[in-house]
Amino acid sequence: MSKSWNKGVTLALEGPGKFTTISTIQEASWALIEDWPLEDGEALDKALLVIEAAMSGKKTPEEARFAFIAAAHEAGIEIQE
């Protein structure tokens, strides 16, 4: 399921100044699993759980977006406003 967020999250996932926009919970899930610079972290674990819940309709896409942003902050990933 590819639920879109009201506003994408643009972040430097591939390194400083290399910005990518994540617009759906599916994209966020793949980013956290495949591209994330940390393997462990409280916010990372929470984001994965919230995204899974959002995919099954138990949480909203926006709750997943906020959890994803928190995980990016935890990992020290630059976010473009």
Protein backbone atom coordinates (compact mmCIF):
# COMPACT_ATOMS: atom_id res chain seq x y z
CA MET A 1 0.00 0.00 0.00
CA SER A 2 1.42 3.38 -0.97
CA LYS A 3 -0.32 5.99 1.16
CA SER A 4 0.89 9.50 0.41
CA TRP A 5 1.77 12.10 3.00
CA ASN A 6 0.26 15.59 2.93
CA LYS A 7 3.80 16.94 2.54
CA GLY A 8 6.89 14.99 1.46
CA VAL A 9 10.04 14.88 3.57
CA THR A 10 13.14 16.10 1.72
CA LEU A 11 16.31 14.87 3.36
CA ALA A 12 20.00 14.28 2.60
CA LEU A 13 19.74 10.51 2.70
CA GLU A 14 22.66 9.76 0.39
CA GLY A 15 25.02 12.25 2.00
CA PRO A 16 25.41 15.99 2.59
CA GLY A 17 23.70 18.06 -0.10
CA LYS A 18 22.22 15.01 -1.89
CA PHE A 19 18.54 15.49 -1.18
CA THR A 20 15.77 12.97 -1.81
CA THR A 21 12.06 13.51 -1.22
CA ILE A 22 10.12 10.73 0.50
CA SER A 23 6.38 11.11 -0.17
CA THR A 24 4.76 7.83 0.87
CA ILE A 25 4.91 5.43 3.78
CA GLN A 26 6.19 2.72 1.41
CA GLU A 27 9.11 4.94 0.34
CA ALA A 28 9.83 5.71 4.00
CA SER A 29 9.82 2.02 4.87
CA TRP A 30 12.33 1.22 2.13
CA ALA A 31 14.53 4.17 3.12
CA LEU A 32 14.61 3.03 6.76
CA ILE A 33 15.36 -0.58 5.83
CA GLU A 34 17.74 -0.12 2.90
CA ASP A 35 19.37 3.32 3.11
CA TRP A 36 19.40 4.33 6.78
CA PRO A 37 22.83 5.18 8.25
CA LEU A 38 21.92 3.68 11.66
CA GLU A 39 21.05 0.07 12.32
CA ASP A 40 19.77 0.64 15.85
CA GLY A 41 17.95 3.48 17.53
CA GLU A 42 14.87 4.18 19.58
CA ALA A 43 13.33 6.57 17.03
CA LEU A 44 14.25 4.21 14.18
CA ASP A 45 12.51 1.29 15.88
CA LYS A 46 9.45 3.42 16.62
CA ALA A 47 9.30 4.70 13.02
CA LEU A 48 9.38 1.15 11.67
CA LEU A 49 6.53 0.15 13.99
CA VAL A 50 4.42 3.23 13.20
CA ILE A 51 4.97 2.82 9.46
CA GLU A 52 3.93 -0.84 9.66
CA ALA A 53 0.81 0.20 11.60
CA ALA A 54 0.04 2.92 9.03
CA MET A 55 0.30 0.40 6.21
CA SER A 56 -2.34 -1.73 7.91
CA GLY A 57 -4.58 1.25 8.70
CA LYS A 58 -3.96 1.27 12.46
CA LYS A 59 -2.07 4.58 12.35
CA THR A 60 -2.38 7.54 9.99
CA PRO A 61 0.14 8.32 7.26
CA GLU A 62 0.89 11.59 9.07
CA GLU A 63 1.78 9.73 12.30
CA ALA A 64 4.20 7.69 10.18
CA ARG A 65 5.61 10.90 8.67
CA PHE A 66 6.30 12.40 12.10
CA ALA A 67 7.95 9.17 13.28
CA PHE A 68 10.08 9.12 10.11
CA ILE A 69 11.22 12.71 10.75
CA ALA A 70 12.11 11.82 14.35
CA ALA A 71 14.22 8.90 13.09
CA ALA A 72 15.99 11.24 10.65
CA HIS A 73 16.81 13.64 13.51
CA GLU A 74 18.10 10.73 15.59
CA ALA A 75 20.37 9.66 12.69
CA GLY A 76 21.65 13.19 12.14
CA ILE A 77 20.24 13.36 8.62
CA GLU A 78 19.75 16.88 7.30
CA ILE A 79 16.13 17.72 6.51
CA GLN A 80 15.22 20.46 4.07
CA GLU A 81 12.18 22.48 5.15
